[in-house]
C-alpha cells in the first residue's frame, strides 16, 4: 500500500551448531515478479537475543532472506513488525 516505513523486530530464541551465524536481509520490490533490491539488514547474529530496526524507502512488496553460516547451524527466530 502507501506505507513506506517498516519497523521490524528480530527475536532469536535458540542457536546451535559450530560457529553458527545468521544474517537477515530485507528486500523490497514494486511487483511480486519484479526484481527485489536490498533495503537493510540485521547484522550477523551468533547468539540468543533481539534487535529492532526501522527502515524506509520501501516499495509495495517486502521479503526477508535469511542466510545461515557455520557447521550445522540452527536458529529458532521470529521476525515481526509493522508498516507505518
PDB file of N, CA and C in Angstrom:
ATOM      1  N   UNK A   1       0.814  -1.183   0.000  1.00  0.00           N
ATOM      2  CA  UNK A   1       0.000   0.000   0.000  1.00  0.00           C
ATOM      3  C   UNK A   1       0.862   1.252   0.000  1.00  0.00           C
ATOM      4  N   UNK A   2       0.404   2.244   0.737  1.00  0.00           N
ATOM      5  CA  UNK A   2       1.065   3.541   0.761  1.00  0.00           C
ATOM      6  C   UNK A   2       1.989   3.719   1.961  1.00  0.00           C
ATOM      7  N   UNK A   3       2.328   2.663   2.630  1.00  0.00           N
ATOM      8  CA  UNK A   3       3.195   2.758   3.806  1.00  0.00           C
ATOM      9  C   UNK A   3       4.644   2.531   3.381  1.00  0.00           C
ATOM     10  N   UNK A   4       5.501   3.481   3.667  1.00  0.00           N
ATOM     11  CA  UNK A   4       6.879   3.392   3.190  1.00  0.00           C
ATOM     12  C   UNK A   4       7.901   3.120   4.262  1.00  0.00           C
ATOM     13  N   UNK A   5       7.440   2.951   5.522  1.00  0.00           N
ATOM     14  CA  UNK A   5       8.365   2.692   6.618  1.00  0.00           C
ATOM     15  C   UNK A   5       7.993   1.379   7.289  1.00  0.00           C
ATOM     16  N   UNK A   6       8.994   0.611   7.647  1.00  0.00           N
ATOM     17  CA  UNK A   6       8.797  -0.681   8.286  1.00  0.00           C
ATOM     18  C   UNK A   6       9.587  -0.716   9.581  1.00  0.00           C
ATOM     19  N   UNK A   7       8.953  -1.189  10.639  1.00  0.00           N
ATOM     20  CA  UNK A   7       9.613  -1.407  11.926  1.00  0.00           C
ATOM     21  C   UNK A   7       9.622  -2.909  12.177  1.00  0.00           C
ATOM     22  N   UNK A   8      10.791  -3.488  12.293  1.00  0.00           N
ATOM     23  CA  UNK A   8      10.912  -4.932  12.440  1.00  0.00           C
ATOM     24  C   UNK A   8      11.659  -5.307  13.715  1.00  0.00           C
ATOM     25  N   UNK A   9      11.221  -6.419  14.314  1.00  0.00           N
ATOM     26  CA  UNK A   9      11.876  -6.991  15.484  1.00  0.00           C
ATOM     27  C   UNK A   9      12.358  -8.386  15.128  1.00  0.00           C
ATOM     28  N   UNK A  10      13.644  -8.638  15.315  1.00  0.00           N
ATOM     29  CA  UNK A  10      14.228  -9.961  15.127  1.00  0.00           C
ATOM     30  C   UNK A  10      14.498 -10.531  16.513  1.00  0.00           C
ATOM     31  N   UNK A  11      13.822 -11.628  16.842  1.00  0.00           N
ATOM     32  CA  UNK A  11      13.969 -12.288  18.144  1.00  0.00           C
ATOM     33  C   UNK A  11      14.572 -13.668  17.912  1.00  0.00           C
ATOM     34  N   UNK A  12      15.736 -13.923  18.485  1.00  0.00           N
ATOM     35  CA  UNK A  12      16.388 -15.224  18.363  1.00  0.00           C
ATOM     36  C   UNK A  12      16.238 -15.953  19.686  1.00  0.00           C
ATOM     37  N   UNK A  13      15.569 -17.128  19.641  1.00  0.00           N
ATOM     38  CA  UNK A  13      15.254 -17.879  20.853  1.00  0.00           C
ATOM     39  C   UNK A  13      16.224 -19.025  21.117  1.00  0.00           C
ATOM     40  N   UNK A  14      16.812 -19.590  20.065  1.00  0.00           N
ATOM     41  CA  UNK A  14      17.732 -20.716  20.245  1.00  0.00           C
ATOM     42  C   UNK A  14      18.761 -20.735  19.115  1.00  0.00           C
ATOM     43  N   UNK A  15      19.973 -21.169  19.454  1.00  0.00           N
ATOM     44  CA  UNK A  15      21.073 -21.246  18.489  1.00  0.00           C
ATOM     45  C   UNK A  15      21.862 -22.520  18.777  1.00  0.00           C
ATOM     46  N   UNK A  16      22.233 -23.233  17.709  1.00  0.00           N
ATOM     47  CA  UNK A  16      23.115 -24.386  17.894  1.00  0.00           C
ATOM     48  C   UNK A  16      23.989 -24.554  16.660  1.00  0.00           C
ATOM     49  N   UNK A  17      24.983 -25.418  16.783  1.00  0.00           N
ATOM     50  CA  UNK A  17      25.931 -25.651  15.701  1.00  0.00           C
ATOM     51  C   UNK A  17      27.312 -25.165  16.103  1.00  0.00           C
ATOM     52  N   UNK A  18      28.256 -25.335  15.204  1.00  0.00           N
ATOM     53  CA  UNK A  18      29.619 -24.875  15.437  1.00  0.00           C
ATOM     54  C   UNK A  18      29.821 -23.565  14.691  1.00  0.00           C
ATOM     55  N   UNK A  19      30.139 -22.511  15.435  1.00  0.00           N
ATOM     56  CA  UNK A  19      30.316 -21.162  14.883  1.00  0.00           C
ATOM     57  C   UNK A  19      29.126 -20.739  14.011  1.00  0.00           C
ATOM     58  N   UNK A  20      27.881 -20.872  14.539  1.00  0.00           N
ATOM     59  CA  UNK A  20      26.712 -20.523  13.733  1.00  0.00           C
ATOM     60  C   UNK A  20      26.565 -19.012  13.553  1.00  0.00           C
ATOM     61  N   UNK A  21      26.123 -18.605  12.373  1.00  0.00           N
ATOM     62  CA  UNK A  21      25.816 -17.202  12.109  1.00  0.00           C
ATOM     63  C   UNK A  21      24.495 -17.114  11.358  1.00  0.00           C
ATOM     64  N   UNK A  22      23.776 -16.039  11.600  1.00  0.00           N
ATOM     65  CA  UNK A  22      22.512 -15.749  10.922  1.00  0.00           C
ATOM     66  C   UNK A  22      22.568 -14.325  10.411  1.00  0.00           C
ATOM     67  N   UNK A  23      22.279 -14.151   9.137  1.00  0.00           N
ATOM     68  CA  UNK A  23      22.214 -12.826   8.525  1.00  0.00           C
ATOM     69  C   UNK A  23      20.828 -12.701   7.907  1.00  0.00           C
ATOM     70  N   UNK A  24      20.065 -11.673   8.305  1.00  0.00           N
ATOM     71  CA  UNK A  24      18.713 -11.453   7.781  1.00  0.00           C
ATOM     72  C   UNK A  24      18.719 -10.144   7.002  1.00  0.00           C
ATOM     73  N   UNK A  25      18.444 -10.247   5.707  1.00  0.00           N
ATOM     74  CA  UNK A  25      18.404  -9.083   4.823  1.00  0.00           C
ATOM     75  C   UNK A  25      16.959  -8.794   4.428  1.00  0.00           C
ATOM     76  N   UNK A  26      16.600  -7.521   4.397  1.00  0.00           N
ATOM     77  CA  UNK A  26      15.264  -7.087   3.999  1.00  0.00           C
ATOM     78  C   UNK A  26      15.338  -6.574   2.570  1.00  0.00           C
ATOM     79  N   UNK A  27      14.445  -7.092   1.726  1.00  0.00           N
ATOM     80  CA  UNK A  27      14.401  -6.700   0.317  1.00  0.00           C
ATOM     81  C   UNK A  27      13.012  -6.191  -0.036  1.00  0.00           C
ATOM     82  N   UNK A  28      12.916  -5.362  -1.073  1.00  0.00           N
ATOM     83  CA  UNK A  28      11.646  -4.795  -1.497  1.00  0.00           C
ATOM     84  C   UNK A  28      11.563  -4.793  -3.021  1.00  0.00           C
ATOM     85  N   UNK A  29      10.317  -4.805  -3.527  1.00  0.00           N
ATOM     86  CA  UNK A  29      10.089  -4.776  -4.972  1.00  0.00           C
ATOM     87  C   UNK A  29       8.742  -4.112  -5.251  1.00  0.00           C
ATOM     88  N   UNK A  30       8.595  -3.573  -6.439  1.00  0.00           N
ATOM     89  CA  UNK A  30       7.341  -2.911  -6.824  1.00  0.00           C
ATOM     90  C   UNK A  30       6.246  -3.911  -7.157  1.00  0.00           C
ATOM     91  N   UNK A  31       6.636  -5.099  -7.672  1.00  0.00           N
ATOM     92  CA  UNK A  31       5.672  -6.144  -8.006  1.00  0.00           C
ATOM     93  C   UNK A  31       6.190  -7.474  -7.482  1.00  0.00           C
ATOM     94  N   UNK A  32       5.306  -8.474  -7.415  1.00  0.00           N
ATOM     95  CA  UNK A  32       5.747  -9.787  -6.925  1.00  0.00           C
ATOM     96  C   UNK A  32       6.702 -10.461  -7.890  1.00  0.00           C
ATOM     97  N   UNK A  33       6.632 -10.118  -9.159  1.00  0.00           N
ATOM     98  CA  UNK A  33       7.534 -10.730 -10.135  1.00  0.00           C
ATOM     99  C   UNK A  33       8.715  -9.815 -10.490  1.00  0.00           C
ATOM    100  N   UNK A  34       8.757  -8.633  -9.872  1.00  0.00           N
ATOM    101  CA  UNK A  34       9.835  -7.690 -10.160  1.00  0.00           C
ATOM    102  C   UNK A  34      11.127  -8.053  -9.447  1.00  0.00           C
ATOM    103  N   UNK A  35      12.175  -7.402  -9.852  1.00  0.00           N
ATOM    104  CA  UNK A  35      13.474  -7.617  -9.230  1.00  0.00           C
ATOM    105  C   UNK A  35      13.507  -6.941  -7.868  1.00  0.00           C
ATOM    106  N   UNK A  36      13.881  -7.703  -6.850  1.00  0.00           N
ATOM    107  CA  UNK A  36      13.956  -7.153  -5.492  1.00  0.00           C
ATOM    108  C   UNK A  36      15.297  -6.454  -5.299  1.00  0.00           C
ATOM    109  N   UNK A  37      15.276  -5.431  -4.451  1.00  0.00           N
ATOM    110  CA  UNK A  37      16.512  -4.739  -4.102  1.00  0.00           C
ATOM    111  C   UNK A  37      16.661  -4.751  -2.586  1.00  0.00           C
ATOM    112  N   UNK A  38      17.883  -4.830  -2.122  1.00  0.00           N
ATOM    113  CA  UNK A  38      18.165  -4.831  -0.685  1.00  0.00           C
ATOM    114  C   UNK A  38      17.903  -3.446  -0.115  1.00  0.00           C
ATOM    115  N   UNK A  39      17.247  -3.409   1.049  1.00  0.00           N
ATOM    116  CA  UNK A  39      16.946  -2.143   1.719  1.00  0.00           C
ATOM    117  C   UNK A  39      17.790  -1.991   2.981  1.00  0.00           C
ATOM    118  N   UNK A  40      17.865  -3.053   3.759  1.00  0.00           N
ATOM    119  CA  UNK A  40      18.558  -3.002   5.050  1.00  0.00           C
ATOM    120  C   UNK A  40      18.841  -4.443   5.478  1.00  0.00           C
ATOM    121  N   UNK A  41      19.570  -4.604   6.568  1.00  0.00           N
ATOM    122  CA  UNK A  41      19.866  -5.945   7.071  1.00  0.00           C
ATOM    123  C   UNK A  41      20.134  -5.894   8.567  1.00  0.00           C
ATOM    124  N   UNK A  42      19.837  -6.993   9.206  1.00  0.00           N
ATOM    125  CA  UNK A  42      20.242  -7.193  10.591  1.00  0.00           C
ATOM    126  C   UNK A  42      21.641  -7.784  10.512  1.00  0.00           C
ATOM    127  N   UNK A  43      22.557  -7.229  11.271  1.00  0.00           N
ATOM    128  CA  UNK A  43      23.939  -7.695  11.233  1.00  0.00           C
ATOM    129  C   UNK A  43      24.052  -9.160  11.610  1.00  0.00           C
ATOM    130  N   UNK A  44      25.189  -9.781  11.346  1.00  0.00           N
ATOM    131  CA  UNK A  44      25.363 -11.196  11.663  1.00  0.00           C
ATOM    132  C   UNK A  44      25.078 -11.481  13.145  1.00  0.00           C
ATOM    133  N   UNK A  45      24.242 -12.488  13.384  1.00  0.00           N
ATOM    134  CA  UNK A  45      23.879 -12.886  14.745  1.00  0.00           C
ATOM    135  C   UNK A  45      24.509 -14.234  15.050  1.00  0.00           C
ATOM    136  N   UNK A  46      24.972 -14.392  16.288  1.00  0.00           N
ATOM    137  CA  UNK A  46      25.621 -15.630  16.697  1.00  0.00           C
ATOM    138  C   UNK A  46      25.051 -16.178  18.001  1.00  0.00           C
ATOM    139  N   UNK A  47      24.113 -15.451  18.621  1.00  0.00           N
ATOM    140  CA  UNK A  47      23.613 -15.856  19.938  1.00  0.00           C
ATOM    141  C   UNK A  47      22.152 -15.447  20.108  1.00  0.00           C
ATOM    142  N   UNK A  48      21.544 -15.959  21.168  1.00  0.00           N
ATOM    143  CA  UNK A  48      20.173 -15.587  21.525  1.00  0.00           C
ATOM    144  C   UNK A  48      20.144 -14.088  21.812  1.00  0.00           C
ATOM    145  N   UNK A  49      19.073 -13.427  21.376  1.00  0.00           N
ATOM    146  CA  UNK A  49      18.932 -12.001  21.615  1.00  0.00           C
ATOM    147  C   UNK A  49      17.888 -11.399  20.701  1.00  0.00           C
ATOM    148  N   UNK A  50      17.824 -10.086  20.700  1.00  0.00           N
ATOM    149  CA  UNK A  50      16.845  -9.395  19.865  1.00  0.00           C
ATOM    150  C   UNK A  50      17.424  -8.085  19.344  1.00  0.00           C
ATOM    151  N   UNK A  51      16.834  -7.622  18.271  1.00  0.00           N
ATOM    152  CA  UNK A  51      17.216  -6.339  17.679  1.00  0.00           C
ATOM    153  C   UNK A  51      16.004  -5.757  16.978  1.00  0.00           C
ATOM    154  N   UNK A  52      15.840  -4.447  17.072  1.00  0.00           N
ATOM    155  CA  UNK A  52      14.761  -3.744  16.384  1.00  0.00           C
ATOM    156  C   UNK A  52      15.373  -2.771  15.392  1.00  0.00           C
ATOM    157  N   UNK A  53      14.798  -2.748  14.186  1.00  0.00           N
ATOM    158  CA  UNK A  53      15.278  -1.830  13.150  1.00  0.00           C
ATOM    159  C   UNK A  53      14.074  -1.167  12.486  1.00  0.00           C
ATOM    160  N   UNK A  54      14.259   0.079  12.105  1.00  0.00           N
ATOM    161  CA  UNK A  54      13.266   0.805  11.312  1.00  0.00           C
ATOM    162  C   UNK A  54      13.919   1.147   9.980  1.00  0.00           C
ATOM    163  N   UNK A  55      13.165   0.989   8.906  1.00  0.00           N
ATOM    164  CA  UNK A  55      13.705   1.270   7.578  1.00  0.00           C
ATOM    165  C   UNK A  55      12.642   1.937   6.724  1.00  0.00           C
ATOM    166  N   UNK A  56      13.077   2.771   5.799  1.00  0.00           N
ATOM    167  CA  UNK A  56      12.147   3.470   4.916  1.00  0.00           C
ATOM    168  C   UNK A  56      12.605   3.309   3.475  1.00  0.00           C
ATOM    169  N   UNK A  57      11.855   3.918   2.552  1.00  0.00           N
ATOM    170  CA  UNK A  57      12.191   3.818   1.144  1.00  0.00           C
ATOM    171  C   UNK A  57      11.741   2.499   0.532  1.00  0.00           C
ATOM    172  N   UNK A  58      10.664   1.934   1.082  1.00  0.00           N
ATOM    173  CA  UNK A  58      10.189   0.629   0.635  1.00  0.00           C
ATOM    174  C   UNK A  58       9.206   0.737  -0.522  1.00  0.00           C
ATOM    175  N   UNK A  59       9.205  -0.288  -1.348  1.00  0.00           N
ATOM    176  CA  UNK A  59       8.184  -0.427  -2.371  1.00  0.00           C
ATOM    177  C   UNK A  59       7.028  -1.238  -1.772  1.00  0.00           C
ATOM    178  N   UNK A  60       6.059  -1.619  -2.594  1.00  0.00           N
ATOM    179  CA  UNK A  60       4.859  -2.284  -2.097  1.00  0.00           C
ATOM    180  C   UNK A  60       5.124  -3.649  -1.455  1.00  0.00           C
ATOM    181  N   UNK A  61       6.017  -4.439  -2.009  1.00  0.00           N
ATOM    182  CA  UNK A  61       6.257  -5.794  -1.515  1.00  0.00           C
ATOM    183  C   UNK A  61       7.592  -5.866  -0.782  1.00  0.00           C
ATOM    184  N   UNK A  62       7.584  -6.604   0.330  1.00  0.00           N
ATOM    185  CA  UNK A  62       8.775  -6.737   1.167  1.00  0.00           C
ATOM    186  C   UNK A  62       8.959  -8.213   1.500  1.00  0.00           C
ATOM    187  N   UNK A  63      10.218  -8.648   1.537  1.00  0.00           N
ATOM    188  CA  UNK A  63      10.525 -10.018   1.945  1.00  0.00           C
ATOM    189  C   UNK A  63      11.833 -10.018   2.720  1.00  0.00           C
ATOM    190  N   UNK A  64      12.086 -11.124   3.405  1.00  0.00           N
ATOM    191  CA  UNK A  64      13.383 -11.268   4.070  1.00  0.00           C
ATOM    192  C   UNK A  64      14.101 -12.480   3.502  1.00  0.00           C
ATOM    193  N   UNK A  65      15.423 -12.417   3.546  1.00  0.00           N
ATOM    194  CA  UNK A  65      16.259 -13.533   3.137  1.00  0.00           C
ATOM    195  C   UNK A  65      17.166 -13.844   4.320  1.00  0.00           C
ATOM    196  N   UNK A  66      17.067 -15.071   4.834  1.00  0.00           N
ATOM    197  CA  UNK A  66      17.895 -15.500   5.959  1.00  0.00           C
ATOM    198  C   UNK A  66      19.012 -16.395   5.429  1.00  0.00           C
ATOM    199  N   UNK A  67      20.242 -16.059   5.779  1.00  0.00           N
ATOM    200  CA  UNK A  67      21.403 -16.835   5.357  1.00  0.00           C
ATOM    201  C   UNK A  67      22.113 -17.367   6.598  1.00  0.00           C
ATOM    202  N   UNK A  68      22.290 -18.680   6.648  1.00  0.00           N
ATOM    203  CA  UNK A  68      22.962 -19.324   7.777  1.00  0.00           C
ATOM    204  C   UNK A  68      24.387 -19.685   7.404  1.00  0.00           C
ATOM    205  N   UNK A  69      25.273 -19.584   8.374  1.00  0.00           N
ATOM    206  CA  UNK A  69      26.657 -19.968   8.169  1.00  0.00           C
ATOM    207  C   UNK A  69      27.157 -20.802   9.325  1.00  0.00           C
ATOM    208  N   UNK A  70      28.311 -21.416   9.166  1.00  0.00           N
ATOM    209  CA  UNK A  70      28.887 -22.266  10.198  1.00  0.00           C
ATOM    210  C   UNK A  70      28.709 -23.730   9.842  1.00  0.00           C
ATOM    211  N   UNK A  71      28.975 -24.595  10.810  1.00  0.00           N
ATOM    212  CA  UNK A  71      28.818 -26.033  10.624  1.00  0.00           C
ATOM    213  C   UNK A  71      27.544 -26.488  11.326  1.00  0.00           C
ATOM    214  N   UNK A  72      26.629 -27.049  10.575  1.00  0.00           N
ATOM    215  CA  UNK A  72      25.320 -27.497  11.086  1.00  0.00           C
ATOM    216  C   UNK A  72      24.610 -26.401  11.879  1.00  0.00           C
ATOM    217  N   UNK A  73      24.488 -25.189  11.321  1.00  0.00           N
ATOM    218  CA  UNK A  73      23.858 -24.103  12.068  1.00  0.00           C
ATOM    219  C   UNK A  73      22.350 -24.312  12.184  1.00  0.00           C
ATOM    220  N   UNK A  74      21.800 -23.910  13.319  1.00  0.00           N
ATOM    221  CA  UNK A  74      20.363 -23.956  13.544  1.00  0.00           C
ATOM    222  C   UNK A  74      19.959 -22.750  14.388  1.00  0.00           C
ATOM    223  N   UNK A  75      18.957 -22.023  13.928  1.00  0.00           N
ATOM    224  CA  UNK A  75      18.438 -20.866  14.650  1.00  0.00           C
ATOM    225  C   UNK A  75      16.931 -20.987  14.747  1.00  0.00           C
ATOM    226  N   UNK A  76      16.390 -20.707  15.921  1.00  0.00           N
ATOM    227  CA  UNK A  76      14.954 -20.553  16.084  1.00  0.00           C
ATOM    228  C   UNK A  76      14.736 -19.054  16.246  1.00  0.00           C
ATOM    229  N   UNK A  77      14.043 -18.440  15.269  1.00  0.00           N
ATOM    230  CA  UNK A  77      13.877 -16.987  15.340  1.00  0.00           C
ATOM    231  C   UNK A  77      12.512 -16.579  14.797  1.00  0.00           C
ATOM    232  N   UNK A  78      12.113 -15.378  15.176  1.00  0.00           N
ATOM    233  CA  UNK A  78      10.887 -14.774  14.680  1.00  0.00           C
ATOM    234  C   UNK A  78      11.215 -13.378  14.172  1.00  0.00           C
ATOM    235  N   UNK A  79      10.625 -13.015  13.060  1.00  0.00           N
ATOM    236  CA  UNK A  79      10.757 -11.671  12.513  1.00  0.00           C
ATOM    237  C   UNK A  79       9.345 -11.099  12.427  1.00  0.00           C
ATOM    238  N   UNK A  80       9.079 -10.105  13.248  1.00  0.00           N
ATOM    239  CA  UNK A  80       7.745  -9.498  13.289  1.00  0.00           C
ATOM    240  C   UNK A  80       7.875  -7.999  13.143  1.00  0.00           C
ATOM    241  N   UNK A  81       6.764  -7.333  12.861  1.00  0.00           N
ATOM    242  CA  UNK A  81       6.825  -5.890  12.743  1.00  0.00           C
ATOM    243  C   UNK A  81       5.567  -5.286  12.212  1.00  0.00           C
ATOM    244  N   UNK A  82       5.690  -4.016  11.821  1.00  0.00           N
ATOM    245  CA  UNK A  82       4.548  -3.276  11.313  1.00  0.00           C
ATOM    246  C   UNK A  82       4.994  -2.272  10.269  1.00  0.00           C
ATOM    247  N   UNK A  83       4.096  -1.996   9.340  1.00  0.00           N
ATOM    248  CA  UNK A  83       4.321  -0.954   8.341  1.00  0.00           C
ATOM    249  C   UNK A  83       3.577   0.283   8.809  1.00  0.00           C
ATOM    250  N   UNK A  84       4.246   1.416   8.744  1.00  0.00           N
ATOM    251  CA  UNK A  84       3.620   2.677   9.195  1.00  0.00           C
ATOM    252  C   UNK A  84       3.808   3.752   8.144  1.00  0.00           C
TER     253      UNK A  84
END
